[in-house]
All heavy atoms as atom14 arrays in JSON, in Angstrom:
{
  "sequence": "LYLPVLIAALLVAALGAQLMRLGARLSRSPALPAGAALLLMLALAW",
  "atom14_mask": [
    [1, 1, 1, 1, 1, 1, 1, 1, 0, 0, 0, 0, 0, 0],
    [1, 1, 1, 1, 1, 1, 1, 1, 1, 1, 1, 1, 0, 0],
    [1, 1, 1, 1, 1, 1, 1, 1, 0, 0, 0, 0, 0, 0],
    [1, 1, 1, 1, 1, 1, 1, 0, 0, 0, 0, 0, 0, 0],
    [1, 1, 1, 1, 1, 1, 1, 0, 0, 0, 0, 0, 0, 0],
    [1, 1, 1, 1, 1, 1, 1, 1, 0, 0, 0, 0, 0, 0],
    [1, 1, 1, 1, 1, 1, 1, 1, 0, 0, 0, 0, 0, 0],
    [1, 1, 1, 1, 1, 0, 0, 0, 0, 0, 0, 0, 0, 0],
    [1, 1, 1, 1, 1, 0, 0, 0, 0, 0, 0, 0, 0, 0],
    [1, 1, 1, 1, 1, 1, 1, 1, 0, 0, 0, 0, 0, 0],
    [1, 1, 1, 1, 1, 1, 1, 1, 0, 0, 0, 0, 0, 0],
    [1, 1, 1, 1, 1, 1, 1, 0, 0, 0, 0, 0, 0, 0],
    [1, 1, 1, 1, 1, 0, 0, 0, 0, 0, 0, 0, 0, 0],
    [1, 1, 1, 1, 1, 0, 0, 0, 0, 0, 0, 0, 0, 0],
    [1, 1, 1, 1, 1, 1, 1, 1, 0, 0, 0, 0, 0, 0],
    [1, 1, 1, 1, 0, 0, 0, 0, 0, 0, 0, 0, 0, 0],
    [1, 1, 1, 1, 1, 0, 0, 0, 0, 0, 0, 0, 0, 0],
    [1, 1, 1, 1, 1, 1, 1, 1, 1, 0, 0, 0, 0, 0],
    [1, 1, 1, 1, 1, 1, 1, 1, 0, 0, 0, 0, 0, 0],
    [1, 1, 1, 1, 1, 1, 1, 1, 0, 0, 0, 0, 0, 0],
    [1, 1, 1, 1, 1, 1, 1, 1, 1, 1, 1, 0, 0, 0],
    [1, 1, 1, 1, 1, 1, 1, 1, 0, 0, 0, 0, 0, 0],
    [1, 1, 1, 1, 0, 0, 0, 0, 0, 0, 0, 0, 0, 0],
    [1, 1, 1, 1, 1, 0, 0, 0, 0, 0, 0, 0, 0, 0],
    [1, 1, 1, 1, 1, 1, 1, 1, 1, 1, 1, 0, 0, 0],
    [1, 1, 1, 1, 1, 1, 1, 1, 0, 0, 0, 0, 0, 0],
    [1, 1, 1, 1, 1, 1, 0, 0, 0, 0, 0, 0, 0, 0],
    [1, 1, 1, 1, 1, 1, 1, 1, 1, 1, 1, 0, 0, 0],
    [1, 1, 1, 1, 1, 1, 0, 0, 0, 0, 0, 0, 0, 0],
    [1, 1, 1, 1, 1, 1, 1, 0, 0, 0, 0, 0, 0, 0],
    [1, 1, 1, 1, 1, 0, 0, 0, 0, 0, 0, 0, 0, 0],
    [1, 1, 1, 1, 1, 1, 1, 1, 0, 0, 0, 0, 0, 0],
    [1, 1, 1, 1, 1, 1, 1, 0, 0, 0, 0, 0, 0, 0],
    [1, 1, 1, 1, 1, 0, 0, 0, 0, 0, 0, 0, 0, 0],
    [1, 1, 1, 1, 0, 0, 0, 0, 0, 0, 0, 0, 0, 0],
    [1, 1, 1, 1, 1, 0, 0, 0, 0, 0, 0, 0, 0, 0],
    [1, 1, 1, 1, 1, 0, 0, 0, 0, 0, 0, 0, 0, 0],
    [1, 1, 1, 1, 1, 1, 1, 1, 0, 0, 0, 0, 0, 0],
    [1, 1, 1, 1, 1, 1, 1, 1, 0, 0, 0, 0, 0, 0],
    [1, 1, 1, 1, 1, 1, 1, 1, 0, 0, 0, 0, 0, 0],
    [1, 1, 1, 1, 1, 1, 1, 1, 0, 0, 0, 0, 0, 0],
    [1, 1, 1, 1, 1, 1, 1, 1, 0, 0, 0, 0, 0, 0],
    [1, 1, 1, 1, 1, 0, 0, 0, 0, 0, 0, 0, 0, 0],
    [1, 1, 1, 1, 1, 1, 1, 1, 0, 0, 0, 0, 0, 0],
    [1, 1, 1, 1, 1, 0, 0, 0, 0, 0, 0, 0, 0, 0],
    [1, 1, 1, 1, 1, 1, 1, 1, 1, 1, 1, 1, 1, 1]
  ],
  "atom14_positions": [
    [[0.91, -1.2, 0.02], [0.05, 0.0, -0.04], [0.93, 1.27, 0.07], [0.32, 2.4, -0.01], [-0.87, 0.04, 1.26], [-1.86, -1.1, 1.35], [-2.71, -1.07, 2.56], [-2.82, -1.23, 0.14], [0.0, 0.0, 0.0], [0.0, 0.0, 0.0], [0.0, 0.0, 0.0], [0.0, 0.0, 0.0], [0.0, 0.0, 0.0], [0.0, 0.0, 0.0]],
    [[2.17, 1.06, -0.07], [2.99, 2.31, -0.02], [2.86, 3.31, -1.1], [2.55, 4.56, -0.92], [4.51, 1.9, 0.09], [5.44, 2.96, 0.48], [5.46, 3.45, 1.83], [6.24, 3.66, -0.44], [6.32, 4.54, 2.24], [7.08, 4.66, -0.08], [7.03, 5.09, 1.18], [7.9, 6.17, 1.52], [0.0, 0.0, 0.0], [0.0, 0.0, 0.0]],
    [[2.85, 2.79, -2.29], [2.72, 3.6, -3.51], [1.31, 4.24, -3.59], [1.08, 5.4, -3.78], [3.11, 2.94, -4.83], [3.26, 3.74, -5.97], [4.29, 4.91, -5.78], [3.65, 2.94, -7.18], [0.0, 0.0, 0.0], [0.0, 0.0, 0.0], [0.0, 0.0, 0.0], [0.0, 0.0, 0.0], [0.0, 0.0, 0.0], [0.0, 0.0, 0.0]],
    [[0.24, 3.38, -3.36], [-1.1, 3.96, -3.32], [-1.3, 5.09, -2.27], [-1.99, 6.05, -2.58], [-2.04, 2.63, -3.03], [-1.29, 1.56, -3.5], [0.19, 1.88, -3.3], [0.0, 0.0, 0.0], [0.0, 0.0, 0.0], [0.0, 0.0, 0.0], [0.0, 0.0, 0.0], [0.0, 0.0, 0.0], [0.0, 0.0, 0.0], [0.0, 0.0, 0.0]],
    [[-0.71, 4.97, -1.21], [-0.78, 6.01, -0.22], [-0.03, 7.35, -0.67], [-0.6, 8.42, -0.32], [-0.14, 5.57, 1.18], [0.09, 6.67, 2.1], [-1.17, 4.56, 1.85], [0.0, 0.0, 0.0], [0.0, 0.0, 0.0], [0.0, 0.0, 0.0], [0.0, 0.0, 0.0], [0.0, 0.0, 0.0], [0.0, 0.0, 0.0], [0.0, 0.0, 0.0]],
    [[1.01, 7.18, -1.41], [1.68, 8.35, -1.93], [0.65, 9.11, -2.87], [0.5, 10.32, -2.87], [2.85, 7.93, -2.85], [4.04, 7.46, -1.97], [5.17, 6.98, -2.94], [4.56, 8.51, -1.03], [0.0, 0.0, 0.0], [0.0, 0.0, 0.0], [0.0, 0.0, 0.0], [0.0, 0.0, 0.0], [0.0, 0.0, 0.0], [0.0, 0.0, 0.0]],
    [[-0.03, 8.33, -3.77], [-0.99, 9.0, -4.62], [-2.23, 9.51, -3.86], [-2.78, 10.58, -4.15], [-1.47, 8.0, -5.77], [-0.22, 7.38, -6.43], [-2.39, 8.62, -6.77], [0.68, 8.3, -7.12], [0.0, 0.0, 0.0], [0.0, 0.0, 0.0], [0.0, 0.0, 0.0], [0.0, 0.0, 0.0], [0.0, 0.0, 0.0], [0.0, 0.0, 0.0]],
    [[-2.7, 8.75, -2.93], [-3.82, 9.26, -2.09], [-3.42, 10.54, -1.44], [-4.37, 11.4, -1.24], [-4.22, 8.14, -1.09], [0.0, 0.0, 0.0], [0.0, 0.0, 0.0], [0.0, 0.0, 0.0], [0.0, 0.0, 0.0], [0.0, 0.0, 0.0], [0.0, 0.0, 0.0], [0.0, 0.0, 0.0], [0.0, 0.0, 0.0], [0.0, 0.0, 0.0]],
    [[-2.16, 10.69, -0.98], [-1.85, 11.92, -0.35], [-1.89, 13.13, -1.32], [-2.27, 14.17, -0.91], [-0.37, 11.74, 0.15], [0.0, 0.0, 0.0], [0.0, 0.0, 0.0], [0.0, 0.0, 0.0], [0.0, 0.0, 0.0], [0.0, 0.0, 0.0], [0.0, 0.0, 0.0], [0.0, 0.0, 0.0], [0.0, 0.0, 0.0], [0.0, 0.0, 0.0]],
    [[-1.56, 12.92, -2.54], [-1.76, 13.96, -3.51], [-3.14, 14.34, -3.71], [-3.61, 15.57, -3.77], [-1.19, 13.6, -4.82], [0.35, 13.5, -5.08], [0.72, 13.02, -6.46], [0.93, 14.84, -4.75], [0.0, 0.0, 0.0], [0.0, 0.0, 0.0], [0.0, 0.0, 0.0], [0.0, 0.0, 0.0], [0.0, 0.0, 0.0], [0.0, 0.0, 0.0]],
    [[-4.08, 13.27, -3.68], [-5.48, 13.52, -3.8], [-6.11, 14.3, -2.7], [-6.88, 15.23, -2.79], [-6.18, 12.2, -4.0], [-7.71, 12.2, -4.2], [-8.15, 13.09, -5.48], [-8.38, 10.86, -4.29], [0.0, 0.0, 0.0], [0.0, 0.0, 0.0], [0.0, 0.0, 0.0], [0.0, 0.0, 0.0], [0.0, 0.0, 0.0], [0.0, 0.0, 0.0]],
    [[-5.8, 13.92, -1.43], [-6.23, 14.57, -0.22], [-5.75, 16.07, -0.22], [-6.41, 17.0, 0.12], [-5.64, 13.84, 0.88], [-6.02, 14.72, 2.36], [-6.42, 12.49, 1.06], [0.0, 0.0, 0.0], [0.0, 0.0, 0.0], [0.0, 0.0, 0.0], [0.0, 0.0, 0.0], [0.0, 0.0, 0.0], [0.0, 0.0, 0.0], [0.0, 0.0, 0.0]],
    [[-4.46, 16.34, -0.67], [-3.93, 17.65, -0.77], [-4.75, 18.47, -1.69], [-5.0, 19.65, -1.5], [-2.51, 17.59, -1.14], [0.0, 0.0, 0.0], [0.0, 0.0, 0.0], [0.0, 0.0, 0.0], [0.0, 0.0, 0.0], [0.0, 0.0, 0.0], [0.0, 0.0, 0.0], [0.0, 0.0, 0.0], [0.0, 0.0, 0.0], [0.0, 0.0, 0.0]],
    [[-4.98, 17.99, -2.89], [-5.76, 18.75, -3.9], [-7.19, 18.98, -3.43], [-7.71, 20.09, -3.55], [-5.85, 17.92, -5.19], [0.0, 0.0, 0.0], [0.0, 0.0, 0.0], [0.0, 0.0, 0.0], [0.0, 0.0, 0.0], [0.0, 0.0, 0.0], [0.0, 0.0, 0.0], [0.0, 0.0, 0.0], [0.0, 0.0, 0.0], [0.0, 0.0, 0.0]],
    [[-7.88, 17.95, -2.9], [-9.31, 18.09, -2.49], [-9.3, 19.0, -1.29], [-10.29, 19.81, -1.12], [-9.93, 16.75, -2.31], [-10.09, 15.85, -3.51], [-10.62, 14.53, -3.03], [-10.93, 16.54, -4.55], [0.0, 0.0, 0.0], [0.0, 0.0, 0.0], [0.0, 0.0, 0.0], [0.0, 0.0, 0.0], [0.0, 0.0, 0.0], [0.0, 0.0, 0.0]],
    [[-8.38, 18.81, -0.37], [-8.33, 19.6, 0.85], [-8.19, 21.22, 0.5], [-8.82, 22.0, 1.18], [0.0, 0.0, 0.0], [0.0, 0.0, 0.0], [0.0, 0.0, 0.0], [0.0, 0.0, 0.0], [0.0, 0.0, 0.0], [0.0, 0.0, 0.0], [0.0, 0.0, 0.0], [0.0, 0.0, 0.0], [0.0, 0.0, 0.0], [0.0, 0.0, 0.0]],
    [[-7.42, 21.47, -0.52], [-7.22, 22.79, -0.92], [-8.5, 23.39, -1.5], [-8.88, 24.52, -1.23], [-6.1, 22.93, -1.86], [0.0, 0.0, 0.0], [0.0, 0.0, 0.0], [0.0, 0.0, 0.0], [0.0, 0.0, 0.0], [0.0, 0.0, 0.0], [0.0, 0.0, 0.0], [0.0, 0.0, 0.0], [0.0, 0.0, 0.0], [0.0, 0.0, 0.0]],
    [[-9.32, 22.57, -2.19], [-10.61, 23.14, -2.86], [-11.51, 23.34, -1.6], [-12.29, 24.27, -1.6], [-11.0, 22.09, -3.76], [-10.29, 21.85, -4.97], [-10.87, 20.9, -5.96], [-12.15, 20.83, -5.98], [-10.07, 20.33, -6.86], [0.0, 0.0, 0.0], [0.0, 0.0, 0.0], [0.0, 0.0, 0.0], [0.0, 0.0, 0.0], [0.0, 0.0, 0.0]],
    [[-11.53, 22.38, -0.64], [-12.49, 22.59, 0.49], [-12.13, 23.81, 1.27], [-12.97, 24.62, 1.84], [-12.39, 21.36, 1.42], [-13.11, 20.07, 0.81], [-12.84, 18.86, 1.79], [-14.53, 20.33, 0.58], [0.0, 0.0, 0.0], [0.0, 0.0, 0.0], [0.0, 0.0, 0.0], [0.0, 0.0, 0.0], [0.0, 0.0, 0.0], [0.0, 0.0, 0.0]],
    [[-10.76, 24.07, 1.42], [-10.3, 25.28, 2.16], [-10.76, 26.53, 1.37], [-11.21, 27.51, 2.06], [-8.83, 25.21, 2.32], [-8.28, 24.23, 3.24], [-8.68, 24.58, 5.0], [-7.73, 26.04, 5.26], [0.0, 0.0, 0.0], [0.0, 0.0, 0.0], [0.0, 0.0, 0.0], [0.0, 0.0, 0.0], [0.0, 0.0, 0.0], [0.0, 0.0, 0.0]],
    [[-10.72, 26.52, 0.17], [-11.21, 27.76, -0.56], [-12.63, 27.89, -0.46], [-13.11, 29.07, -0.32], [-10.8, 27.58, -2.08], [-9.3, 27.74, -2.35], [-9.05, 27.9, -3.9], [-9.32, 26.83, -4.63], [-8.34, 25.79, -4.86], [-7.13, 25.93, -4.31], [-8.64, 24.77, -5.46], [0.0, 0.0, 0.0], [0.0, 0.0, 0.0], [0.0, 0.0, 0.0]],
    [[-13.37, 26.77, -0.48], [-14.85, 26.92, -0.37], [-15.19, 27.38, 1.07], [-16.17, 28.23, 1.25], [-15.42, 25.58, -0.52], [-16.98, 25.35, -0.41], [-17.66, 26.3, -1.31], [-17.55, 24.01, -0.58], [0.0, 0.0, 0.0], [0.0, 0.0, 0.0], [0.0, 0.0, 0.0], [0.0, 0.0, 0.0], [0.0, 0.0, 0.0], [0.0, 0.0, 0.0]],
    [[-14.46, 26.91, 2.1], [-14.78, 27.27, 3.5], [-14.48, 28.71, 3.75], [-15.23, 29.42, 4.39], [0.0, 0.0, 0.0], [0.0, 0.0, 0.0], [0.0, 0.0, 0.0], [0.0, 0.0, 0.0], [0.0, 0.0, 0.0], [0.0, 0.0, 0.0], [0.0, 0.0, 0.0], [0.0, 0.0, 0.0], [0.0, 0.0, 0.0], [0.0, 0.0, 0.0]],
    [[-13.34, 29.22, 3.01], [-12.96, 30.53, 3.2], [-14.02, 31.55, 2.56], [-14.35, 32.67, 3.13], [-11.66, 30.83, 2.52], [0.0, 0.0, 0.0], [0.0, 0.0, 0.0], [0.0, 0.0, 0.0], [0.0, 0.0, 0.0], [0.0, 0.0, 0.0], [0.0, 0.0, 0.0], [0.0, 0.0, 0.0], [0.0, 0.0, 0.0], [0.0, 0.0, 0.0]],
    [[-14.74, 31.11, 1.47], [-15.73, 31.94, 0.91], [-17.08, 31.92, 1.72], [-17.7, 32.91, 1.83], [-16.09, 31.38, -0.48], [-15.03, 31.69, -1.5], [-15.5, 31.53, -2.97], [-15.99, 30.19, -3.16], [-15.21, 29.24, -3.89], [-14.07, 29.56, -4.09], [-15.71, 28.12, -4.03], [0.0, 0.0, 0.0], [0.0, 0.0, 0.0], [0.0, 0.0, 0.0]],
    [[-17.27, 30.87, 2.35], [-18.55, 30.7, 3.17], [-18.43, 31.23, 4.59], [-19.38, 31.61, 5.1], [-18.97, 29.25, 3.22], [-19.26, 28.56, 1.86], [-19.74, 27.14, 2.04], [-20.52, 29.36, 1.2], [0.0, 0.0, 0.0], [0.0, 0.0, 0.0], [0.0, 0.0, 0.0], [0.0, 0.0, 0.0], [0.0, 0.0, 0.0], [0.0, 0.0, 0.0]],
    [[-17.15, 31.3, 5.11], [-17.06, 31.63, 6.49], [-16.79, 33.2, 6.68], [-16.24, 33.82, 5.73], [-15.77, 30.89, 7.04], [-15.55, 31.41, 8.41], [0.0, 0.0, 0.0], [0.0, 0.0, 0.0], [0.0, 0.0, 0.0], [0.0, 0.0, 0.0], [0.0, 0.0, 0.0], [0.0, 0.0, 0.0], [0.0, 0.0, 0.0], [0.0, 0.0, 0.0]],
    [[-17.28, 33.75, 7.77], [-17.14, 35.09, 7.97], [-15.69, 35.43, 8.36], [-15.18, 36.48, 8.09], [-18.02, 35.52, 9.17], [-19.54, 35.53, 8.81], [-20.21, 35.95, 10.01], [-21.79, 35.88, 9.74], [-22.62, 36.19, 10.63], [-22.34, 36.58, 11.86], [-23.94, 36.16, 10.3], [0.0, 0.0, 0.0], [0.0, 0.0, 0.0], [0.0, 0.0, 0.0]],
    [[-15.01, 34.47, 8.84], [-13.61, 34.61, 9.16], [-12.75, 33.72, 8.36], [-12.85, 32.43, 8.56], [-13.33, 34.27, 10.69], [-11.98, 34.32, 10.96], [0.0, 0.0, 0.0], [0.0, 0.0, 0.0], [0.0, 0.0, 0.0], [0.0, 0.0, 0.0], [0.0, 0.0, 0.0], [0.0, 0.0, 0.0], [0.0, 0.0, 0.0], [0.0, 0.0, 0.0]],
    [[-11.9, 34.23, 7.36], [-11.18, 33.35, 6.58], [-10.18, 32.43, 7.18], [-9.83, 31.45, 6.82], [-10.52, 34.43, 5.56], [-11.31, 35.66, 5.64], [-11.86, 35.67, 6.98], [0.0, 0.0, 0.0], [0.0, 0.0, 0.0], [0.0, 0.0, 0.0], [0.0, 0.0, 0.0], [0.0, 0.0, 0.0], [0.0, 0.0, 0.0], [0.0, 0.0, 0.0]],
    [[-9.74, 32.96, 8.47], [-8.78, 32.17, 9.2], [-9.41, 30.98, 9.89], [-8.7, 30.07, 10.35], [-8.05, 33.0, 10.28], [0.0, 0.0, 0.0], [0.0, 0.0, 0.0], [0.0, 0.0, 0.0], [0.0, 0.0, 0.0], [0.0, 0.0, 0.0], [0.0, 0.0, 0.0], [0.0, 0.0, 0.0], [0.0, 0.0, 0.0], [0.0, 0.0, 0.0]],
    [[-10.83, 30.89, 10.02], [-11.44, 29.89, 10.74], [-11.2, 28.51, 10.1], [-10.8, 27.53, 10.84], [-12.81, 30.25, 11.03], [-13.66, 29.23, 11.85], [-13.1, 29.17, 13.24], [-15.14, 29.65, 11.87], [0.0, 0.0, 0.0], [0.0, 0.0, 0.0], [0.0, 0.0, 0.0], [0.0, 0.0, 0.0], [0.0, 0.0, 0.0], [0.0, 0.0, 0.0]],
    [[-11.42, 28.37, 8.88], [-11.3, 27.07, 8.12], [-9.91, 26.52, 8.23], [-9.57, 25.38, 8.42], [-11.72, 27.33, 6.73], [-12.49, 28.45, 6.84], [-12.04, 29.36, 7.89], [0.0, 0.0, 0.0], [0.0, 0.0, 0.0], [0.0, 0.0, 0.0], [0.0, 0.0, 0.0], [0.0, 0.0, 0.0], [0.0, 0.0, 0.0], [0.0, 0.0, 0.0]],
    [[-8.81, 27.41, 8.11], [-7.52, 27.11, 8.2], [-7.16, 26.59, 9.64], [-6.27, 25.64, 9.74], [-6.61, 28.3, 7.88], [0.0, 0.0, 0.0], [0.0, 0.0, 0.0], [0.0, 0.0, 0.0], [0.0, 0.0, 0.0], [0.0, 0.0, 0.0], [0.0, 0.0, 0.0], [0.0, 0.0, 0.0], [0.0, 0.0, 0.0], [0.0, 0.0, 0.0]],
    [[-7.62, 27.27, 10.62], [-7.34, 26.9, 12.04], [-7.91, 25.52, 12.37], [-7.25, 24.73, 12.95], [0.0, 0.0, 0.0], [0.0, 0.0, 0.0], [0.0, 0.0, 0.0], [0.0, 0.0, 0.0], [0.0, 0.0, 0.0], [0.0, 0.0, 0.0], [0.0, 0.0, 0.0], [0.0, 0.0, 0.0], [0.0, 0.0, 0.0], [0.0, 0.0, 0.0]],
    [[-9.21, 25.3, 11.85], [-9.84, 24.09, 12.14], [-9.12, 22.86, 11.43], [-8.91, 21.81, 11.96], [-11.32, 24.2, 11.6], [0.0, 0.0, 0.0], [0.0, 0.0, 0.0], [0.0, 0.0, 0.0], [0.0, 0.0, 0.0], [0.0, 0.0, 0.0], [0.0, 0.0, 0.0], [0.0, 0.0, 0.0], [0.0, 0.0, 0.0], [0.0, 0.0, 0.0]],
    [[-8.66, 23.24, 10.13], [-7.92, 22.2, 9.42], [-6.71, 21.86, 10.04], [-6.21, 20.65, 10.16], [-7.73, 22.65, 7.94], [0.0, 0.0, 0.0], [0.0, 0.0, 0.0], [0.0, 0.0, 0.0], [0.0, 0.0, 0.0], [0.0, 0.0, 0.0], [0.0, 0.0, 0.0], [0.0, 0.0, 0.0], [0.0, 0.0, 0.0], [0.0, 0.0, 0.0]],
    [[-6.0, 22.86, 10.62], [-4.69, 22.56, 11.31], [-4.85, 21.67, 12.59], [-4.09, 20.8, 12.81], [-4.0, 23.84, 11.66], [-2.78, 23.86, 12.34], [-1.63, 23.12, 11.52], [-2.32, 25.27, 12.68], [0.0, 0.0, 0.0], [0.0, 0.0, 0.0], [0.0, 0.0, 0.0], [0.0, 0.0, 0.0], [0.0, 0.0, 0.0], [0.0, 0.0, 0.0]],
    [[-5.97, 22.09, 13.37], [-6.11, 21.25, 14.58], [-6.48, 19.86, 14.2], [-6.12, 18.99, 14.84], [-7.28, 21.91, 15.33], [-6.94, 23.24, 16.08], [-8.17, 23.85, 16.66], [-5.78, 23.19, 17.03], [0.0, 0.0, 0.0], [0.0, 0.0, 0.0], [0.0, 0.0, 0.0], [0.0, 0.0, 0.0], [0.0, 0.0, 0.0], [0.0, 0.0, 0.0]],
    [[-7.26, 19.67, 13.17], [-7.68, 18.28, 12.77], [-6.52, 17.53, 12.18], [-6.28, 16.43, 12.59], [-8.76, 18.38, 11.55], [-9.13, 17.03, 11.1], [-9.8, 16.2, 12.11], [-10.18, 17.26, 9.87], [0.0, 0.0, 0.0], [0.0, 0.0, 0.0], [0.0, 0.0, 0.0], [0.0, 0.0, 0.0], [0.0, 0.0, 0.0], [0.0, 0.0, 0.0]],
    [[-5.61, 18.25, 11.58], [-4.44, 17.59, 10.92], [-3.49, 17.17, 12.16], [-2.96, 15.97, 12.19], [-3.65, 18.55, 10.09], [-2.38, 17.98, 9.48], [-1.64, 19.18, 8.43], [-0.08, 18.4, 8.12], [0.0, 0.0, 0.0], [0.0, 0.0, 0.0], [0.0, 0.0, 0.0], [0.0, 0.0, 0.0], [0.0, 0.0, 0.0], [0.0, 0.0, 0.0]],
    [[-3.31, 17.96, 13.25], [-2.45, 17.65, 14.33], [-3.08, 16.48, 15.08], [-2.31, 15.6, 15.57], [-2.25, 18.9, 15.19], [-1.35, 20.0, 14.64], [-1.42, 21.22, 15.57], [-0.04, 19.54, 14.36], [0.0, 0.0, 0.0], [0.0, 0.0, 0.0], [0.0, 0.0, 0.0], [0.0, 0.0, 0.0], [0.0, 0.0, 0.0], [0.0, 0.0, 0.0]],
    [[-4.38, 16.45, 15.34], [-5.07, 15.4, 16.09], [-4.84, 14.08, 15.34], [-4.49, 13.09, 15.89], [-6.48, 15.75, 16.22], [0.0, 0.0, 0.0], [0.0, 0.0, 0.0], [0.0, 0.0, 0.0], [0.0, 0.0, 0.0], [0.0, 0.0, 0.0], [0.0, 0.0, 0.0], [0.0, 0.0, 0.0], [0.0, 0.0, 0.0], [0.0, 0.0, 0.0]],
    [[-5.11, 14.07, 13.91], [-4.88, 12.86, 13.19], [-3.41, 12.35, 13.16], [-3.14, 11.18, 13.25], [-5.39, 13.07, 11.76], [-6.89, 13.18, 11.61], [-7.26, 13.48, 10.14], [-7.58, 11.88, 11.98], [0.0, 0.0, 0.0], [0.0, 0.0, 0.0], [0.0, 0.0, 0.0], [0.0, 0.0, 0.0], [0.0, 0.0, 0.0], [0.0, 0.0, 0.0]],
    [[-2.52, 13.38, 13.14], [-1.09, 12.93, 13.2], [-0.64, 12.24, 14.41], [0.01, 11.35, 14.47], [-0.16, 14.26, 12.92], [0.0, 0.0, 0.0], [0.0, 0.0, 0.0], [0.0, 0.0, 0.0], [0.0, 0.0, 0.0], [0.0, 0.0, 0.0], [0.0, 0.0, 0.0], [0.0, 0.0, 0.0], [0.0, 0.0, 0.0], [0.0, 0.0, 0.0]],
    [[-1.24, 12.87, 15.52], [-0.83, 12.16, 16.93], [-1.47, 10.8, 16.88], [-0.76, 9.88, 17.45], [-1.45, 13.06, 17.99], [-1.23, 12.56, 19.4], [-2.1, 11.79, 20.15], [0.1, 12.51, 19.95], [-1.47, 11.38, 21.35], [-0.09, 11.9, 21.31], [1.26, 13.04, 19.78], [0.95, 11.71, 22.2], [2.36, 12.9, 20.67], [2.13, 12.21, 21.9]]
  ]
}
């Protein structure tokens, strides 16, 4: 699964960036989606 995970990481990065742009447009605070994503990423990493 090593090589598939490499490709999946690219897919998550691309889709995550699109979701971030969508969240920034919908949110009153553009920094809110970025902060939430960072906290989620750190929790998943741990």
